[in-house]
PDB file of N, CA and C in Angstrom:
ATOM      1  N   GLN A   1      -1.111 -11.654   2.154  1.00  0.00           N
ATOM      2  CA  GLN A   1      -0.545 -10.305   2.283  1.00  0.00           C
ATOM      3  C   GLN A   1      -0.095 -10.027   3.710  1.00  0.00           C
ATOM      4  N   PRO A   2       1.202 -10.023   3.933  1.00  0.00           N
ATOM      5  CA  PRO A   2       1.744  -9.818   5.286  1.00  0.00           C
ATOM      6  C   PRO A   2       1.382  -8.451   5.861  1.00  0.00           C
ATOM      7  N   THR A   3       1.208  -7.453   4.977  1.00  0.00           N
ATOM      8  CA  THR A   3       0.892  -6.099   5.437  1.00  0.00           C
ATOM      9  C   THR A   3      -0.377  -6.093   6.287  1.00  0.00           C
ATOM     10  N   THR A   4      -1.398  -6.834   5.832  1.00  0.00           N
ATOM     11  CA  THR A   4      -2.676  -6.849   6.540  1.00  0.00           C
ATOM     12  C   THR A   4      -2.500  -7.409   7.952  1.00  0.00           C
ATOM     13  N   LYS A   5      -1.676  -8.436   8.089  1.00  0.00           N
ATOM     14  CA  LYS A   5      -1.491  -9.064   9.396  1.00  0.00           C
ATOM     15  C   LYS A   5      -0.678  -8.164  10.320  1.00  0.00           C
ATOM     16  N   ASN A   6       0.356  -7.518   9.758  1.00  0.00           N
ATOM     17  CA  ASN A   6       1.234  -6.699  10.587  1.00  0.00           C
ATOM     18  C   ASN A   6       0.589  -5.377  10.999  1.00  0.00           C
ATOM     19  N   HIS A   7      -0.234  -4.814  10.111  1.00  0.00           N
ATOM     20  CA  HIS A   7      -0.851  -3.518  10.396  1.00  0.00           C
ATOM     21  C   HIS A   7      -2.360  -3.569  10.161  1.00  0.00           C
ATOM     22  N   PRO A   8      -3.099  -4.313  10.997  1.00  0.00           N
ATOM     23  CA  PRO A   8      -4.541  -4.451  10.774  1.00  0.00           C
ATOM     24  C   PRO A   8      -5.279  -3.126  10.903  1.00  0.00           C
ATOM     25  N   ILE A   9      -4.733  -2.200  11.701  1.00  0.00           N
ATOM     26  CA  ILE A   9      -5.417  -0.928  11.938  1.00  0.00           C
ATOM     27  C   ILE A   9      -5.263   0.001  10.730  1.00  0.00           C
ATOM     28  N   LEU A  10      -4.122  -0.073  10.050  1.00  0.00           N
ATOM     29  CA  LEU A  10      -3.873   0.843   8.938  1.00  0.00           C
ATOM     30  C   LEU A  10      -4.710   0.494   7.709  1.00  0.00           C
ATOM     31  N   ILE A  11      -5.059  -0.769   7.547  1.00  0.00           N
ATOM     32  CA  ILE A  11      -5.715  -1.202   6.315  1.00  0.00           C
ATOM     33  C   ILE A  11      -7.087  -0.547   6.097  1.00  0.00           C
ATOM     34  N   PRO A  12      -7.989  -0.523   7.086  1.00  0.00           N
ATOM     35  CA  PRO A  12      -9.304   0.072   6.812  1.00  0.00           C
ATOM     36  C   PRO A  12      -9.300   1.601   6.750  1.00  0.00           C
ATOM     37  N   LEU A  13      -8.160   2.239   7.020  1.00  0.00           N
ATOM     38  CA  LEU A  13      -8.153   3.701   7.104  1.00  0.00           C
ATOM     39  C   LEU A  13      -7.326   4.416   6.032  1.00  0.00           C
ATOM     40  N   PRO A  14      -7.148   3.852   4.836  1.00  0.00           N
ATOM     41  CA  PRO A  14      -6.264   4.550   3.895  1.00  0.00           C
ATOM     42  C   PRO A  14      -6.756   5.944   3.526  1.00  0.00           C
ATOM     43  N   LYS A  15      -8.066   6.085   3.234  1.00  0.00           N
ATOM     44  CA  LYS A  15      -8.598   7.387   2.824  1.00  0.00           C
ATOM     45  C   LYS A  15      -8.580   8.371   4.000  1.00  0.00           C
ATOM     46  N   PHE A  16      -8.949   7.876   5.167  1.00  0.00           N
ATOM     47  CA  PHE A  16      -8.951   8.699   6.373  1.00  0.00           C
ATOM     48  C   PHE A  16      -7.537   9.188   6.671  1.00  0.00           C
ATOM     49  N   PHE A  17      -6.592   8.263   6.540  1.00  0.00           N
ATOM     50  CA  PHE A  17      -5.183   8.569   6.781  1.00  0.00           C
ATOM     51  C   PHE A  17      -4.710   9.629   5.785  1.00  0.00           C
ATOM     52  N   THR A  18      -5.123   9.476   4.527  1.00  0.00           N
ATOM     53  CA  THR A  18      -4.754  10.444   3.486  1.00  0.00           C
ATOM     54  C   THR A  18      -5.347  11.807   3.817  1.00  0.00           C
ATOM     55  N   PHE A  19      -6.561  11.801   4.344  1.00  0.00           N
ATOM     56  CA  PHE A  19      -7.242  13.061   4.672  1.00  0.00           C
ATOM     57  C   PHE A  19      -6.479  13.804   5.772  1.00  0.00           C
ATOM     58  N   ILE A  20      -6.021  13.060   6.778  1.00  0.00           N
ATOM     59  CA  ILE A  20      -5.306  13.679   7.899  1.00  0.00           C
ATOM     60  C   ILE A  20      -3.882  14.059   7.483  1.00  0.00           C
ATOM     61  N   HIS A  21      -3.209  13.155   6.794  1.00  0.00           N
ATOM     62  CA  HIS A  21      -1.807  13.362   6.431  1.00  0.00           C
ATOM     63  C   HIS A  21      -1.628  13.116   4.935  1.00  0.00           C
ATOM     64  N   PRO A  22      -1.920  14.102   4.117  1.00  0.00           N
ATOM     65  CA  PRO A  22      -1.873  13.903   2.658  1.00  0.00           C
ATOM     66  C   PRO A  22      -0.526  13.363   2.182  1.00  0.00           C
ATOM     67  N   HIS A  23       0.563  13.905   2.735  1.00  0.00           N
ATOM     68  CA  HIS A  23       1.888  13.485   2.271  1.00  0.00           C
ATOM     69  C   HIS A  23       2.126  12.013   2.609  1.00  0.00           C
ATOM     70  N   GLU A  24       1.824  11.647   3.852  1.00  0.00           N
ATOM     71  CA  GLU A  24       2.000  10.250   4.272  1.00  0.00           C
ATOM     72  C   GLU A  24       1.119   9.330   3.432  1.00  0.00           C
ATOM     73  N   GLY A  25      -0.118   9.742   3.215  1.00  0.00           N
ATOM     74  CA  GLY A  25      -1.039   8.922   2.424  1.00  0.00           C
ATOM     75  C   GLY A  25      -0.525   8.723   1.013  1.00  0.00           C
ATOM     76  N   ARG A  26       0.006   9.808   0.439  1.00  0.00           N
ATOM     77  CA  ARG A  26       0.522   9.719  -0.923  1.00  0.00           C
ATOM     78  C   ARG A  26       1.708   8.761  -0.961  1.00  0.00           C
ATOM     79  N   LYS A  27       2.585   8.865   0.053  1.00  0.00           N
ATOM     80  CA  LYS A  27       3.749   7.980   0.106  1.00  0.00           C
ATOM     81  C   LYS A  27       3.287   6.522   0.163  1.00  0.00           C
ATOM     82  N   LYS A  28       2.265   6.268   0.981  1.00  0.00           N
ATOM     83  CA  LYS A  28       1.762   4.903   1.147  1.00  0.00           C
ATOM     84  C   LYS A  28       1.174   4.400  -0.170  1.00  0.00           C
ATOM     85  N   GLU A  29       0.415   5.268  -0.854  1.00  0.00           N
ATOM     86  CA  GLU A  29      -0.182   4.871  -2.134  1.00  0.00           C
ATOM     87  C   GLU A  29       0.905   4.544  -3.151  1.00  0.00           C
ATOM     88  N   GLU A  30       1.958   5.379  -3.190  1.00  0.00           N
ATOM     89  CA  GLU A  30       3.050   5.122  -4.125  1.00  0.00           C
ATOM     90  C   GLU A  30       3.703   3.781  -3.810  1.00  0.00           C
ATOM     91  N   GLU A  31       3.882   3.524  -2.503  1.00  0.00           N
ATOM     92  CA  GLU A  31       4.494   2.273  -2.076  1.00  0.00           C
ATOM     93  C   GLU A  31       3.623   1.089  -2.521  1.00  0.00           C
ATOM     94  N   GLU A  32       2.305   1.201  -2.316  1.00  0.00           N
ATOM     95  CA  GLU A  32       1.390   0.129  -2.714  1.00  0.00           C
ATOM     96  C   GLU A  32       1.476  -0.103  -4.225  1.00  0.00           C
ATOM     97  N   GLY A  33       1.471   0.996  -4.984  1.00  0.00           N
ATOM     98  CA  GLY A  33       1.550   0.881  -6.440  1.00  0.00           C
ATOM     99  C   GLY A  33       2.834   0.187  -6.868  1.00  0.00           C
ATOM    100  N   ARG A  34       3.933   0.553  -6.198  1.00  0.00           N
ATOM    101  CA  ARG A  34       5.220  -0.048  -6.537  1.00  0.00           C
ATOM    102  C   ARG A  34       5.165  -1.544  -6.249  1.00  0.00           C
ATOM    103  N   ARG A  35       4.564  -1.908  -5.110  1.00  0.00           N
ATOM    104  CA  ARG A  35       4.477  -3.325  -4.740  1.00  0.00           C
ATOM    105  C   ARG A  35       3.647  -4.095  -5.773  1.00  0.00           C
ATOM    106  N   LYS A  36       2.531  -3.489  -6.195  1.00  0.00           N
ATOM    107  CA  LYS A  36       1.676  -4.165  -7.182  1.00  0.00           C
ATOM    108  C   LYS A  36       2.439  -4.384  -8.482  1.00  0.00           C
ATOM    109  N   ARG A  37       3.177  -3.341  -8.916  1.00  0.00           N
ATOM    110  CA  ARG A  37       3.936  -3.464 -10.163  1.00  0.00           C
ATOM    111  C   ARG A  37       5.002  -4.551 -10.040  1.00  0.00           C
ATOM    112  N   GLU A  38       5.670  -4.599  -8.872  1.00  0.00           N
ATOM    113  CA  GLU A  38       6.701  -5.617  -8.665  1.00  0.00           C
ATOM    114  C   GLU A  38       6.084  -7.020  -8.715  1.00  0.00           C
ATOM    115  N   ARG A  39       4.901  -7.150  -8.105  1.00  0.00           N
ATOM    116  CA  ARG A  39       4.230  -8.450  -8.082  1.00  0.00           C
ATOM    117  C   ARG A  39       3.887  -8.863  -9.513  1.00  0.00           C
ATOM    118  N   VAL A  40       3.349  -7.918 -10.288  1.00  0.00           N
ATOM    119  CA  VAL A  40       2.984  -8.215 -11.679  1.00  0.00           C
ATOM    120  C   VAL A  40       4.229  -8.611 -12.466  1.00  0.00           C
ATOM    121  N   ARG A  41       5.334  -7.888 -12.230  1.00  0.00           N
ATOM    122  CA  ARG A  41       6.570  -8.174 -12.946  1.00  0.00           C
ATOM    123  C   ARG A  41       7.046  -9.589 -12.627  1.00  0.00           C
ATOM    124  N   LYS A  42       6.946  -9.981 -11.338  1.00  0.00           N
ATOM    125  CA  LYS A  42       7.376 -11.321 -10.938  1.00  0.00           C
ATOM    126  C   LYS A  42       6.519 -12.385 -11.632  1.00  0.00           C
ATOM    127  N   ILE A  43       5.203 -12.134 -11.691  1.00  0.00           N
ATOM    128  CA  ILE A  43       4.297 -13.098 -12.328  1.00  0.00           C
ATOM    129  C   ILE A  43       4.634 -13.223 -13.813  1.00  0.00           C
ATOM    130  N   ASN A  44       4.911 -12.079 -14.459  1.00  0.00           N
ATOM    131  CA  ASN A  44       5.228 -12.099 -15.880  1.00  0.00           C
ATOM    132  C   ASN A  44       6.560 -12.792 -16.154  1.00  0.00           C
ATOM    133  N   ASN A  45       7.517 -12.644 -15.238  1.00  0.00           N
ATOM    134  CA  ASN A  45       8.837 -13.237 -15.438  1.00  0.00           C
ATOM    135  C   ASN A  45       8.820 -14.747 -15.239  1.00  0.00           C
ATOM    136  N   SER A  46       7.950 -15.226 -14.360  1.00  0.00           N
ATOM    137  CA  SER A  46       7.958 -16.661 -14.056  1.00  0.00           C
ATOM    138  C   SER A  46       7.275 -17.468 -15.163  1.00  0.00           C
TER     139      SER A  46
END
């Protein structure tokens, strides 16, 4: 997962980040969900 390497500080703080910035946290969660769905779709297609 390249995200972990590029943003090591953001990874352990998702809930904290959501608490401080609900909108940003929600955007990040949606992005993560989209990535997971895309990954699943790729696995199913291959």
